[in-house]
C-alpha atoms as a PDB file:
ATOM      1  CA  MET A   1     -11.048  15.076  -3.248  1.00  0.00           C
ATOM      2  CA  THR A   2     -11.717  17.609  -0.361  1.00  0.00           C
ATOM      3  CA  ASP A   3     -14.849  16.661   2.010  1.00  0.00           C
ATOM      4  CA  PHE A   4     -17.718  18.895   2.021  1.00  0.00           C
ATOM      5  CA  ASP A   5     -21.337  19.382   3.174  1.00  0.00           C
ATOM      6  CA  LEU A   6     -23.901  19.149   0.914  1.00  0.00           C
ATOM      7  CA  GLU A   7     -25.972  21.605   2.821  1.00  0.00           C
ATOM      8  CA  ASN A   8     -23.429  24.400   2.497  1.00  0.00           C
ATOM      9  CA  PRO A   9     -23.995  27.107  -0.036  1.00  0.00           C
ATOM     10  CA  VAL A  10     -20.458  27.453  -0.366  1.00  0.00           C
ATOM     11  CA  LEU A  11     -18.595  24.504  -2.008  1.00  0.00           C
ATOM     12  CA  PRO A  12     -14.737  23.945  -1.643  1.00  0.00           C
ATOM     13  CA  LYS A  13     -12.557  25.753  -4.472  1.00  0.00           C
ATOM     14  CA  ALA A  14     -11.630  22.147  -5.880  1.00  0.00           C
ATOM     15  CA  ILE A  15     -14.824  21.246  -5.891  1.00  0.00           C
ATOM     16  CA  ARG A  16     -16.322  25.161  -7.806  1.00  0.00           C
ATOM     17  CA  HIS A  17     -12.846  24.411 -10.418  1.00  0.00           C
ATOM     18  CA  ALA A  18     -13.525  20.967 -11.172  1.00  0.00           C
ATOM     19  CA  ALA A  19     -17.408  21.453 -11.917  1.00  0.00           C
ATOM     20  CA  MET A  20     -16.783  24.100 -14.345  1.00  0.00           C
ATOM     21  CA  THR A  21     -15.001  21.510 -16.446  1.00  0.00           C
ATOM     22  CA  SER A  22     -16.755  18.500 -16.190  1.00  0.00           C
ATOM     23  CA  GLY A  23     -18.309  17.520 -19.025  1.00  0.00           C
ATOM     24  CA  GLY A  24     -16.849  19.436 -21.726  1.00  0.00           C
ATOM     25  CA  TYR A  25     -16.834  22.880 -22.602  1.00  0.00           C
ATOM     26  CA  SER A  26     -19.053  24.479 -25.318  1.00  0.00           C
ATOM     27  CA  TYR A  27     -17.264  27.443 -26.270  1.00  0.00           C
ATOM     28  CA  PRO A  28     -13.583  28.040 -27.544  1.00  0.00           C
ATOM     29  CA  ASN A  29     -12.414  30.264 -25.110  1.00  0.00           C
ATOM     30  CA  LYS A  30     -13.146  30.386 -21.513  1.00  0.00           C
ATOM     31  CA  ILE A  31     -13.891  33.549 -19.447  1.00  0.00           C
ATOM     32  CA  LYS A  32     -11.777  33.927 -16.592  1.00  0.00           C
ATOM     33  CA  ARG A  33     -13.565  32.836 -13.054  1.00  0.00           C
ATOM     34  CA  LYS A  34     -14.004  36.105 -11.704  1.00  0.00           C
ATOM     35  CA  ALA A  35     -15.470  37.783 -14.864  1.00  0.00           C
ATOM     36  CA  TYR A  36     -18.029  34.658 -14.686  1.00  0.00           C
ATOM     37  CA  GLU A  37     -18.835  35.192 -11.369  1.00  0.00           C
ATOM     38  CA  GLU A  38     -19.525  39.137 -11.896  1.00  0.00           C
ATOM     39  CA  SER A  39     -21.600  38.573 -14.867  1.00  0.00           C
ATOM     40  CA  LEU A  40     -23.473  35.719 -13.007  1.00  0.00           C
ATOM     41  CA  HIS A  41     -24.076  38.289  -9.903  1.00  0.00           C
ATOM     42  CA  ARG A  42     -25.569  40.792 -12.109  1.00  0.00           C
ATOM     43  CA  LEU A  43     -27.992  38.356 -13.673  1.00  0.00           C
ATOM     44  CA  GLN A  44     -29.075  37.224 -10.555  1.00  0.00           C
ATOM     45  CA  ILE A  45     -30.139  40.632  -9.148  1.00  0.00           C
END
């Protein structure tokens, strides 16, 4: 596992990817990460 700083708002790539798959996934098809991040960004503006 990659070392990381809890105070850093940007997590390492390996941790970001693991977070998306931990705990199962409630939908049958996953969207691509880029599409997800773009949708998330629009919701946060």
